[in-house]
Amino acid sequence: MTATTDSPAPPSPDGRTPDQERVAEALLTCVSGPAAAAQLGMDPTTFRRHVRDLHRRYGVDGAPPLVHALLTDGLRPPAIDSPLPGLDDVQLRLIPAIARWSHPRDIAAAALIPAADTPARIKQLLRTAQASNGADLVRRMHAWGLLGAHRSANTTEAAPQSHADLVVLAERHVRAAAARQWPGHGIRLDLLPALHSVVFLVHLAEHRFVAKYTLAGTCLSTLLHGLHGTRDNIRRQQAAYRQTRRTREFRQERDLQALGQAGIAVTAPAGVVDGVLFTQTPTLTTLSDVLREHPQRAARALTHVADILNATATKRLLPNSRTPAPSPIIQGLRRLQFPAPWAAQLARTDAPQAPAALSADILTTAQGGLLNRLEQLPVAPRPQYGHLQPDHILCPGHPSHTPTLISPALHFGPRGADLARLISRTHLDLLTCPAAAPPVVAALTALVTARSRQVARPDRRAWLTGVLHLWLADTLNALADTLLAHPDMPLPPQSQGITQHFHRAHSLLRVLRRASTMAICDPHKAWNYALQQTAHTIAD
């Protein structure tokens, strides 16, 4: 008679032992570890040992990342009876951050929010999702389809969408929204190249409107690079995003209304319909176009626009103009900090014809303490426009007429942020028309001089230093946006200019980086250096 011994049960097809499989299943159905151990009738010490083994197996730390790892490794989430809630863009970024990271600092960086705001943001998200904790939140998001490409799912849509797919999806929504807004009228749509939203020019009889449609509250490249998951994930995220009135379209409609009431010339909103923002468009000629063809006229328009936003009209913006929207420059810089997905994507991006060191220089500069310096800058007492740049300024046919501003992002951000963005984006436009640099740079120099004289003398050095840092940061953001643009995306003119003149853009970045360092000791000298050297760099 041959003696036999009990052999351990074979592991599951996913490599987990039977005990680990039982623990994994319990983690997906119970709200806490002790409750899961009690459900299994397992000693708590033994249960914790199996949980530690699962953490090591998946290389994660914390309950939410472990639940996320299990649900993306073949297990299915429990069914959720409650419907998908409405979620804004911050919440949609916070969900994958909680699913991947356990430390609050890493969650904040991945979700592009200040670390101090993270606990309150997480509590708000848990209430919205009716989740008891982070692990329960991850379970619910998998059940609703916002997270996870399940191996056992019967789906052929595991890959991110192409740009053409996103355009078709957006066009369907825009046409339906236009039919609701103007029933019985035939429309024609022309796609306008953009990096952050799908934008169409809408032809309606003798009228023209611009239609803007943002998917999942994020820029198109994040979707195309797969940073928001699969096609199914994106569609479910968009369904959640459209349920809330905290979308970019609703915020921009409120901003346009507030600016118009304050007497500032902006495009008039025609309404937000089914998540699509329609605005009236008096002309398609932008300051970027004028800059290339009539630099002297562009120089005068720059001064005019700066005067508009520096006039008493902005003082009439009501206190309710204060919005939760972050500073676009600071928000863009947060994307370039690890572990934000954009930073990781940029680190492995090799754009055609780009200098090999450009991506590395962008990340090194962005992560060299610049974000901390910007976050410590004094906040302006009046709302900042946010997107003050040549391609967002519509120029009328006659030079004496007032320019019209489009696409605001009102916020209370650092002093001088609007001026810094105007300077930054104007210089990037000059990459393709260096002959226009002398009069335009001279106008920008006069603007900086005039604005600095309006600042109290004791604060002037700090103001000049801050605006120079903001200029550098916005240039970093614009270059990163272009480098990260998906290959099948049609680029707007400024991004086309950057790709055609990567060497000039890289030299411009180096000049600004050196000027930013010089400003710590002598901001006046740093500004003279920056304006003179950038003009020479563009002309070379």
Foldseek 3Di string as FASTA:
>chain_A
DDDDDDDADDPDPLRHGPVLVLLLVLLQVDQDQVVSCVVVVHDSVVSVVSVVVLCVVQVADDQLLSNQVSQQRADAHDADPDDQAADALLLLQLLVLLNGHDDLVQSCLQSLHDSVCRVVVLVVSCVRQVRPDNNSSSSSCVNLLLDHDHPPDPDPFFAFDDPVVVLVVVVVQVVVQVCVLPPPWDWDWDWAFDFAWTWTWIDTPPFIKIKTAGFLQGTPLCRNVQVRGTPSNRVSSRVSNLNDCPHLQNLQQVLQVLLVVLVAFAFHWPDQGSRMTITGDPDQAWLLNCCQVPLLLSLVLVVLVVCRCVDCSQVPRDPVNADPFDQPLLSLLSCCDPPHVLVVLLVPFDDPPAPPCQSVVLSCLSPVCLSVLQVPADWDPTWDFRQQEGSQWADDPDSVDHIYGYDGDTHGGHPLLNLLNHVLRVLLSLLVPLVSLPSNLVSSVVVLVVVLVVDPPVCSLVNLLNSLSSNLSNLSSVQSSLSSRDPVGDHHPSSVSCSVCNVLSSQLNVLSSVLSVVSVPPSVVSVVSNSVVSSVSSVD
